Amino acid sequence: MIAKESHVRMIGYGGMLMESFVAISALIAAVVIDQGLYYAMNAPAGATGGTPEGAAAFVSQLGFTITPGDLTAAAASIEESTLVSRTGGAPTLAFGLSQVFHQAFGGNLQAFWYHFAIMFEALFILTAVDAGTRVGRFMLQDTIGNVWTRFGDVSWRPAAWSASAVTVGAWGYFLYIGISDPLGGINQLFPLFGIANQLLAAIALTLCVTLLLKHGKLRWVWVPGIPLAWDLVVTMTASWQKVFSDNPAIGYFAQADRYREARDAGDVLAPAADPGQMDQIIRNSTTNGVIQAVFALLVIVVVANAVVIWVRAVRVGSLPTTEVPHTPSQIVAPADFVATREEKEAVAAWEAERGELTGQRGHR
């Protein structure tokens, strides 16, 4: 997917910076939005009733003030039918950015900026889903391939199609329970996604530490080692709280127990509107708790196995790796996004040489 290995630093570091900019934009958007509107947008429909009047009443219980007219006007400013209970984070970020751009540039283009931000977020998420689906499919095929060798062949279409269907079905299920949960998608999905995202970072940093030690570069281990330690402390603490906390507002299983006890007593707890939604909250909270525990255990297994390798590598100085031997690239390409004059000349000369060689082969 890249021309030269030397481009990895530019793309990887640049991608990290761009994602950080998105996070900063989200924080700015959350700050500039009226607090009453923020809670009206991010409260589940079970709490607001899905109407401006219900949202205004709910927000007043939190100590903030907003009128149904304010909510209607905010939706009209971006040409949307409503902003009440638009949970998930994307509408909040898009509305906040639209306010910033509208005040900065004027022109009565707030609706344009809102939908532009929504489109940007959709593309941002779709690329992550695309890459995640492919990686999930490869991992599933590789795992089953240990038992059924043919299934591990990524070029065998029945295996590729079925593994893709299972992977899409899995994340599609979590998307469904997020958007349909009475407590709101933020409550169910975001903690699980956030922790899982950083647990993945812990695995990547663990790999970096392992490779450095295998190559005998102990003096540089602190570079990925310090972020790894911090990442593990934060994510494992969060995982522990989501699984074992007895506070229903934090722990998944505590939340499920609270609604289960109420259901067994014949009560319906808000924002659930009926016993069916009570069952849905219990089922979703239990599923998320199990998934969260499995994620944390898998990372612990990976890190524990890596520690054994680290000890061996430190004792002997280095260890052999399964990396492909370094091969100097024969491709001539710019070192950055903007090519210098010398780089343009070098690329042109290289392409001309390749064209001549191709023509000579065709002539023969």
Protein backbone atom coordinates (compact mmCIF):
# COMPACT_ATOMS: atom_id res chain seq x y z
CA MET A 1 0.00 0.00 0.00
CA ILE A 2 3.05 2.27 0.20
CA ALA A 3 5.86 2.82 -2.27
CA LYS A 4 8.78 2.58 0.15
CA GLU A 5 9.33 1.48 3.74
CA SER A 6 10.72 4.91 4.54
CA HIS A 7 7.20 6.33 4.05
CA VAL A 8 5.91 4.41 7.07
CA ARG A 9 7.11 7.02 9.56
CA MET A 10 5.48 9.87 7.64
CA ILE A 11 2.16 8.03 7.23
CA GLY A 12 2.08 6.50 10.71
CA TYR A 13 3.11 9.62 12.60
CA GLY A 14 0.99 11.84 10.36
CA GLY A 15 -2.03 9.60 10.87
CA MET A 16 -1.53 9.75 14.63
CA LEU A 17 -1.42 13.53 14.52
CA MET A 18 -4.56 13.73 12.39
CA GLU A 19 -6.45 11.47 14.79
CA SER A 20 -5.31 13.67 17.66
CA PHE A 21 -6.65 16.70 15.79
CA VAL A 22 -10.02 14.97 15.50
CA ALA A 23 -10.02 14.36 19.25
CA ILE A 24 -9.17 18.02 19.92
CA SER A 25 -11.96 19.07 17.55
CA ALA A 26 -14.40 16.85 19.44
CA LEU A 27 -13.40 18.42 22.75
CA ILE A 28 -13.79 21.93 21.33
CA ALA A 29 -17.20 21.00 19.89
CA ALA A 30 -18.36 19.68 23.26
CA VAL A 31 -17.24 22.91 24.95
CA VAL A 32 -18.87 25.38 22.55
CA ILE A 33 -22.29 23.68 22.46
CA ASP A 34 -24.90 24.96 24.90
CA GLN A 35 -24.96 22.54 27.83
CA GLY A 36 -28.71 22.11 27.72
CA LEU A 37 -28.55 21.27 24.02
CA TYR A 38 -25.64 18.89 24.64
CA TYR A 39 -27.61 16.82 27.14
CA ALA A 40 -30.76 16.95 25.03
CA MET A 41 -28.79 15.52 22.12
CA ASN A 42 -26.99 12.80 24.09
CA ALA A 43 -29.74 11.61 26.41
CA PRO A 44 -31.46 8.36 25.30
CA ALA A 45 -34.93 8.55 23.82
CA GLY A 46 -36.28 6.72 26.86
CA ALA A 47 -35.31 9.73 28.99
CA THR A 48 -36.42 12.51 26.63
CA GLY A 49 -39.38 10.86 24.95
CA GLY A 50 -37.86 11.88 21.65
CA THR A 51 -39.67 15.23 21.67
CA PRO A 52 -38.41 18.79 22.27
CA GLU A 53 -40.86 19.15 25.18
CA GLY A 54 -39.67 15.94 26.83
CA ALA A 55 -36.04 16.84 26.27
CA ALA A 56 -36.50 20.30 27.77
CA ALA A 57 -38.14 18.77 30.85
CA PHE A 58 -35.35 16.20 31.21
CA VAL A 59 -32.61 18.79 30.87
CA SER A 60 -34.25 20.95 33.54
CA GLN A 61 -33.93 18.03 35.96
CA LEU A 62 -30.17 18.14 35.40
CA GLY A 63 -30.03 21.80 36.39
CA PHE A 64 -29.82 23.29 32.88
CA THR A 65 -32.29 25.35 30.94
CA ILE A 66 -33.39 25.01 27.35
CA THR A 67 -36.79 25.52 25.78
CA PRO A 68 -38.54 23.37 23.16
CA GLY A 69 -38.29 26.39 20.86
CA ASP A 70 -34.51 26.48 21.29
CA LEU A 71 -34.27 22.79 20.35
CA THR A 72 -36.48 23.27 17.32
CA ALA A 73 -34.47 26.32 16.19
CA ALA A 74 -31.17 24.46 16.59
CA ALA A 75 -32.44 21.63 14.38
CA ALA A 76 -33.75 24.10 11.81
CA SER A 77 -30.38 25.87 11.67
CA ILE A 78 -28.79 22.75 10.20
CA GLU A 79 -31.89 21.66 8.25
CA GLU A 80 -32.55 18.60 10.39
CA SER A 81 -35.97 17.52 11.66
CA THR A 82 -34.74 17.11 15.24
CA LEU A 83 -31.62 16.99 17.41
CA VAL A 84 -33.28 15.34 20.39
CA SER A 85 -31.60 12.07 21.47
CA ARG A 86 -29.15 12.07 18.56
CA THR A 87 -26.74 9.95 20.57
CA GLY A 88 -23.51 8.44 19.33
CA GLY A 89 -21.22 11.45 19.33
CA ALA A 90 -21.23 12.19 15.61
CA PRO A 91 -24.12 14.70 15.64
CA THR A 92 -22.63 16.46 18.67
CA LEU A 93 -19.25 16.86 17.00
CA ALA A 94 -20.82 17.92 13.71
CA PHE A 95 -23.11 20.51 15.34
CA GLY A 96 -20.26 21.95 17.41
CA LEU A 97 -18.02 22.25 14.36
CA SER A 98 -20.83 23.81 12.34
CA GLN A 99 -21.19 26.48 15.01
CA VAL A 100 -17.47 27.21 14.98
CA PHE A 101 -17.25 27.45 11.18
CA HIS A 102 -20.48 29.44 10.93
CA GLN A 103 -19.23 32.04 13.41
CA ALA A 104 -15.79 32.12 11.81
CA PHE A 105 -16.83 32.41 8.16
CA GLY A 106 -20.48 33.49 8.25
CA GLY A 107 -22.48 33.17 5.06
CA ASN A 108 -25.44 31.29 6.57
CA LEU A 109 -23.73 27.97 5.82
CA GLN A 110 -24.21 26.22 9.16
CA ALA A 111 -26.26 23.42 7.55
CA PHE A 112 -23.50 22.87 4.99
CA TRP A 113 -20.82 22.67 7.68
CA TYR A 114 -22.93 20.25 9.74
CA HIS A 115 -23.47 17.81 6.90
CA PHE A 116 -19.87 18.18 5.74
CA ALA A 117 -18.71 17.15 9.23
CA ILE A 118 -21.16 14.23 9.26
CA MET A 119 -19.80 13.06 5.89
CA PHE A 120 -16.22 13.39 7.16
CA GLU A 121 -17.01 11.32 10.25
CA ALA A 122 -18.78 8.68 8.16
CA LEU A 123 -15.76 8.31 5.88
CA PHE A 124 -13.42 8.26 8.89
CA ILE A 125 -15.43 5.46 10.50
CA LEU A 126 -15.91 3.50 7.28
CA THR A 127 -12.17 3.29 6.65
CA ALA A 128 -11.68 1.93 10.19
CA VAL A 129 -14.51 -0.57 9.72
CA ASP A 130 -13.09 -1.62 6.35
CA ALA A 131 -9.62 -2.27 7.76
CA GLY A 132 -11.03 -3.91 10.90
CA THR A 133 -13.26 -6.21 8.86
CA ARG A 134 -10.36 -7.39 6.73
CA VAL A 135 -8.11 -7.95 9.75
CA GLY A 136 -10.92 -9.79 11.55
CA ARG A 137 -11.51 -11.98 8.52
CA PHE A 138 -7.80 -12.83 8.25
CA MET A 139 -7.60 -13.65 11.96
CA LEU A 140 -10.70 -15.84 11.83
CA GLN A 141 -9.39 -17.73 8.81
CA ASP A 142 -5.99 -18.14 10.45
CA THR A 143 -7.53 -19.45 13.67
CA ILE A 144 -9.84 -21.95 11.97
CA GLY A 145 -6.99 -22.82 9.60
CA ASN A 146 -5.17 -24.43 12.52
CA VAL A 147 -7.90 -27.09 12.53
CA TRP A 148 -9.05 -27.00 8.90
CA THR A 149 -6.04 -26.16 6.74
CA ARG A 150 -8.03 -25.28 3.62
CA PHE A 151 -10.00 -22.62 5.49
CA GLY A 152 -6.78 -20.76 6.22
CA ASP A 153 -6.21 -20.14 2.50
CA VAL A 154 -7.16 -16.46 2.05
CA SER A 155 -7.49 -16.96 -1.72
CA TRP A 156 -10.19 -19.66 -1.30
CA ARG A 157 -13.43 -17.77 -1.88
CA PRO A 158 -15.80 -19.91 0.24
CA ALA A 159 -13.55 -19.36 3.27
CA ALA A 160 -13.04 -15.65 2.54
CA TRP A 161 -16.76 -15.03 2.01
CA SER A 162 -17.94 -16.97 5.06
CA ALA A 163 -15.28 -15.44 7.35
CA SER A 164 -16.21 -11.97 6.05
CA ALA A 165 -19.91 -12.66 6.71
CA VAL A 166 -19.19 -13.75 10.29
CA THR A 167 -17.00 -10.70 10.94
CA VAL A 168 -19.53 -8.25 9.48
CA GLY A 169 -22.32 -9.97 11.38
CA ALA A 170 -20.37 -9.63 14.65
CA TRP A 171 -19.74 -5.89 14.43
CA GLY A 172 -23.19 -5.39 12.94
CA TYR A 173 -24.70 -7.02 16.01
CA PHE A 174 -22.86 -4.67 18.36
CA LEU A 175 -23.91 -1.72 16.22
CA TYR A 176 -27.52 -2.88 16.44
CA ILE A 177 -27.56 -3.30 20.21
CA GLY A 178 -25.89 0.09 20.55
CA ILE A 179 -28.43 2.06 18.54
CA SER A 180 -31.43 0.13 19.88
CA ASP A 181 -30.47 -0.05 23.57
CA PRO A 182 -32.85 1.94 25.81
CA LEU A 183 -29.87 3.33 27.72
CA GLY A 184 -28.40 4.73 24.51
CA GLY A 185 -25.51 3.69 22.28
CA ILE A 186 -23.03 5.83 24.19
CA ASN A 187 -23.71 3.98 27.42
CA GLN A 188 -23.29 0.52 25.93
CA LEU A 189 -20.87 0.88 23.04
CA PHE A 190 -18.47 3.70 23.79
CA PRO A 191 -16.80 2.27 26.95
CA LEU A 192 -16.36 -1.09 25.22
CA PHE A 193 -15.00 0.48 22.04
CA GLY A 194 -12.72 2.93 23.86
CA ILE A 195 -11.14 0.29 26.09
CA ALA A 196 -10.80 -2.22 23.26
CA ASN A 197 -9.15 0.41 21.07
CA GLN A 198 -6.48 1.11 23.67
CA LEU A 199 -6.02 -2.58 24.48
CA LEU A 200 -5.14 -2.99 20.81
CA ALA A 201 -2.58 -0.22 21.27
CA ALA A 202 -1.14 -2.16 24.21
CA ILE A 203 -0.67 -5.21 21.98
CA ALA A 204 1.08 -3.08 19.35
CA LEU A 205 3.41 -1.53 21.95
CA THR A 206 4.12 -4.99 23.37
CA LEU A 207 5.19 -6.09 19.90
CA CYS A 208 7.49 -3.06 19.61
CA VAL A 209 9.18 -3.84 22.93
CA THR A 210 9.58 -7.48 21.93
CA LEU A 211 11.21 -6.64 18.60
CA LEU A 212 13.61 -4.16 20.18
CA LEU A 213 14.73 -6.72 22.77
CA LYS A 214 15.05 -9.46 20.15
CA HIS A 215 17.28 -7.16 18.11
CA GLY A 216 19.40 -6.45 21.18
CA LYS A 217 18.41 -2.78 21.45
CA LEU A 218 17.74 -2.71 25.17
CA ARG A 219 18.71 0.96 25.47
CA TRP A 220 15.70 1.99 23.35
CA VAL A 221 13.08 -0.15 25.07
CA TRP A 222 11.92 2.78 27.20
CA VAL A 223 10.51 4.51 24.10
CA PRO A 224 7.57 2.08 23.64
CA GLY A 225 7.92 0.70 27.18
CA ILE A 226 6.74 3.80 29.05
CA PRO A 227 3.61 4.26 26.88
CA LEU A 228 2.94 0.52 27.22
CA ALA A 229 3.05 0.68 31.01
CA TRP A 230 0.75 3.70 31.10
CA ASP A 231 -1.63 2.13 28.57
CA LEU A 232 -1.87 -1.12 30.55
CA VAL A 233 -2.48 0.66 33.86
CA VAL A 234 -5.28 2.82 32.43
CA THR A 235 -7.02 0.20 30.29
CA MET A 236 -6.76 -2.63 32.80
CA THR A 237 -8.12 -0.36 35.53
CA ALA A 238 -11.02 0.62 33.27
CA SER A 239 -11.60 -3.03 32.33
CA TRP A 240 -11.64 -4.04 36.01
CA GLN A 241 -14.15 -1.31 36.83
CA LYS A 242 -16.46 -2.18 33.92
CA VAL A 243 -16.46 -5.85 34.94
CA PHE A 244 -16.26 -5.86 38.76
CA SER A 245 -17.59 -2.48 39.91
CA ASP A 246 -20.71 -2.76 42.09
CA ASN A 247 -21.87 0.66 40.88
CA PRO A 248 -24.61 0.10 38.22
CA ALA A 249 -23.55 3.33 36.52
CA ILE A 250 -20.07 1.85 35.92
CA GLY A 251 -20.07 -1.96 36.01
CA TYR A 252 -21.81 -3.88 33.24
CA PHE A 253 -22.76 -6.82 35.47
CA ALA A 254 -23.89 -4.53 38.30
CA GLN A 255 -26.08 -2.73 35.79
CA ALA A 256 -27.55 -6.02 34.60
CA ASP A 257 -28.18 -7.16 38.19
CA ARG A 258 -29.99 -3.89 39.02
CA TYR A 259 -32.39 -4.24 36.11
CA ARG A 260 -32.79 -7.98 36.69
CA GLU A 261 -33.80 -7.46 40.32
CA ALA A 262 -36.26 -4.75 39.29
CA ARG A 263 -37.72 -6.93 36.57
CA ASP A 264 -38.16 -9.86 38.94
CA ALA A 265 -39.95 -7.50 41.34
CA GLY A 266 -42.29 -6.43 38.56
CA ASP A 267 -40.84 -2.93 38.23
CA VAL A 268 -39.80 -1.06 35.08
CA LEU A 269 -36.80 1.24 35.54
CA ALA A 270 -36.35 4.31 33.37
CA PRO A 271 -35.40 4.77 30.63
CA ALA A 272 -36.86 1.33 29.85
CA ALA A 273 -40.53 1.65 28.90
CA ASP A 274 -41.64 -1.98 29.22
CA PRO A 275 -40.44 -5.42 30.41
CA GLY A 276 -39.09 -6.15 26.93
CA GLN A 277 -36.70 -3.22 27.13
CA MET A 278 -35.72 -4.33 30.64
CA ASP A 279 -34.70 -7.69 29.18
CA GLN A 280 -32.83 -5.93 26.41
CA ILE A 281 -30.76 -3.89 28.87
CA ILE A 282 -29.99 -7.01 30.93
CA ARG A 283 -28.92 -8.95 27.84
CA ASN A 284 -26.80 -6.15 26.39
CA SER A 285 -25.08 -5.30 29.68
CA THR A 286 -24.23 -8.97 30.30
CA THR A 287 -22.90 -9.39 26.75
CA ASN A 288 -20.73 -6.30 27.03
CA GLY A 289 -19.39 -7.42 30.41
CA VAL A 290 -18.38 -10.82 29.05
CA ILE A 291 -16.77 -9.28 25.95
CA GLN A 292 -14.89 -6.75 28.08
CA ALA A 293 -13.55 -9.51 30.34
CA VAL A 294 -12.47 -11.62 27.34
CA PHE A 295 -10.67 -8.65 25.76
CA ALA A 296 -8.74 -7.95 28.96
CA LEU A 297 -7.81 -11.62 29.47
CA LEU A 298 -6.53 -11.94 25.91
CA VAL A 299 -4.29 -8.91 26.35
CA ILE A 300 -3.00 -10.29 29.66
CA VAL A 301 -2.11 -13.56 27.91
CA VAL A 302 -0.28 -11.68 25.14
CA VAL A 303 1.69 -9.50 27.57
CA ALA A 304 2.50 -12.41 29.90
CA ASN A 305 3.84 -14.46 27.00
CA ALA A 306 5.85 -11.44 25.82
CA VAL A 307 7.40 -10.97 29.27
CA VAL A 308 8.81 -14.49 29.08
CA ILE A 309 10.41 -13.64 25.75
CA TRP A 310 11.72 -10.33 27.14
CA VAL A 311 13.49 -12.11 30.00
CA ARG A 312 15.10 -14.60 27.61
CA ALA A 313 16.19 -11.84 25.21
CA VAL A 314 17.75 -9.74 27.98
CA ARG A 315 19.65 -12.74 29.36
CA VAL A 316 21.26 -13.73 26.06
CA GLY A 317 21.43 -10.27 24.49
CA SER A 318 19.16 -10.96 21.50
CA LEU A 319 16.92 -13.59 19.92
CA PRO A 320 16.21 -14.62 16.32
CA THR A 321 13.10 -13.14 14.72
CA THR A 322 10.75 -14.29 11.97
CA GLU A 323 10.98 -10.97 10.14
CA VAL A 324 11.67 -10.99 6.43
CA PRO A 325 15.33 -10.07 5.78
CA HIS A 326 15.85 -6.44 4.82
CA THR A 327 15.92 -5.92 1.06
CA PRO A 328 16.96 -2.52 -0.34
CA SER A 329 14.17 -0.96 -2.38
CA GLN A 330 14.64 -0.45 -6.10
CA ILE A 331 11.77 2.06 -6.27
CA VAL A 332 12.55 5.75 -6.66
CA ALA A 333 9.94 7.89 -4.90
CA PRO A 334 9.75 11.21 -3.01
CA ALA A 335 10.56 11.06 0.69
CA ASP A 336 7.58 13.29 1.63
CA PHE A 337 4.17 14.40 0.34
CA VAL A 338 5.74 17.29 -1.57
CA ALA A 339 8.62 16.25 -3.82
CA THR A 340 11.70 18.44 -4.15
CA ARG A 341 13.05 19.43 -7.55
CA GLU A 342 15.85 16.87 -7.25
CA GLU A 343 13.35 14.14 -6.31
CA LYS A 344 11.13 14.98 -9.28
CA GLU A 345 14.10 14.72 -11.60
CA ALA A 346 15.16 11.40 -10.06
CA VAL A 347 11.62 9.97 -10.37
CA ALA A 348 11.36 11.13 -13.98
CA ALA A 349 14.72 9.54 -14.84
CA TRP A 350 13.75 6.28 -13.12
CA GLU A 351 10.37 6.12 -14.90
CA ALA A 352 12.05 6.84 -18.24
CA GLU A 353 14.54 4.05 -17.62
CA ARG A 354 11.74 1.64 -16.74
CA GLY A 355 9.87 2.67 -19.88
CA GLU A 356 12.90 1.97 -22.03
CA LEU A 357 13.39 -1.45 -20.41
CA THR A 358 9.72 -2.30 -20.92
CA GLY A 359 9.91 -1.23 -24.55
CA GLN A 360 13.02 -3.35 -25.14
CA ARG A 361 11.29 -6.40 -23.66
CA GLY A 362 8.23 -5.81 -25.85
CA HIS A 363 10.43 -5.41 -28.94
CA ARG A 364 12.11 -8.72 -28.24
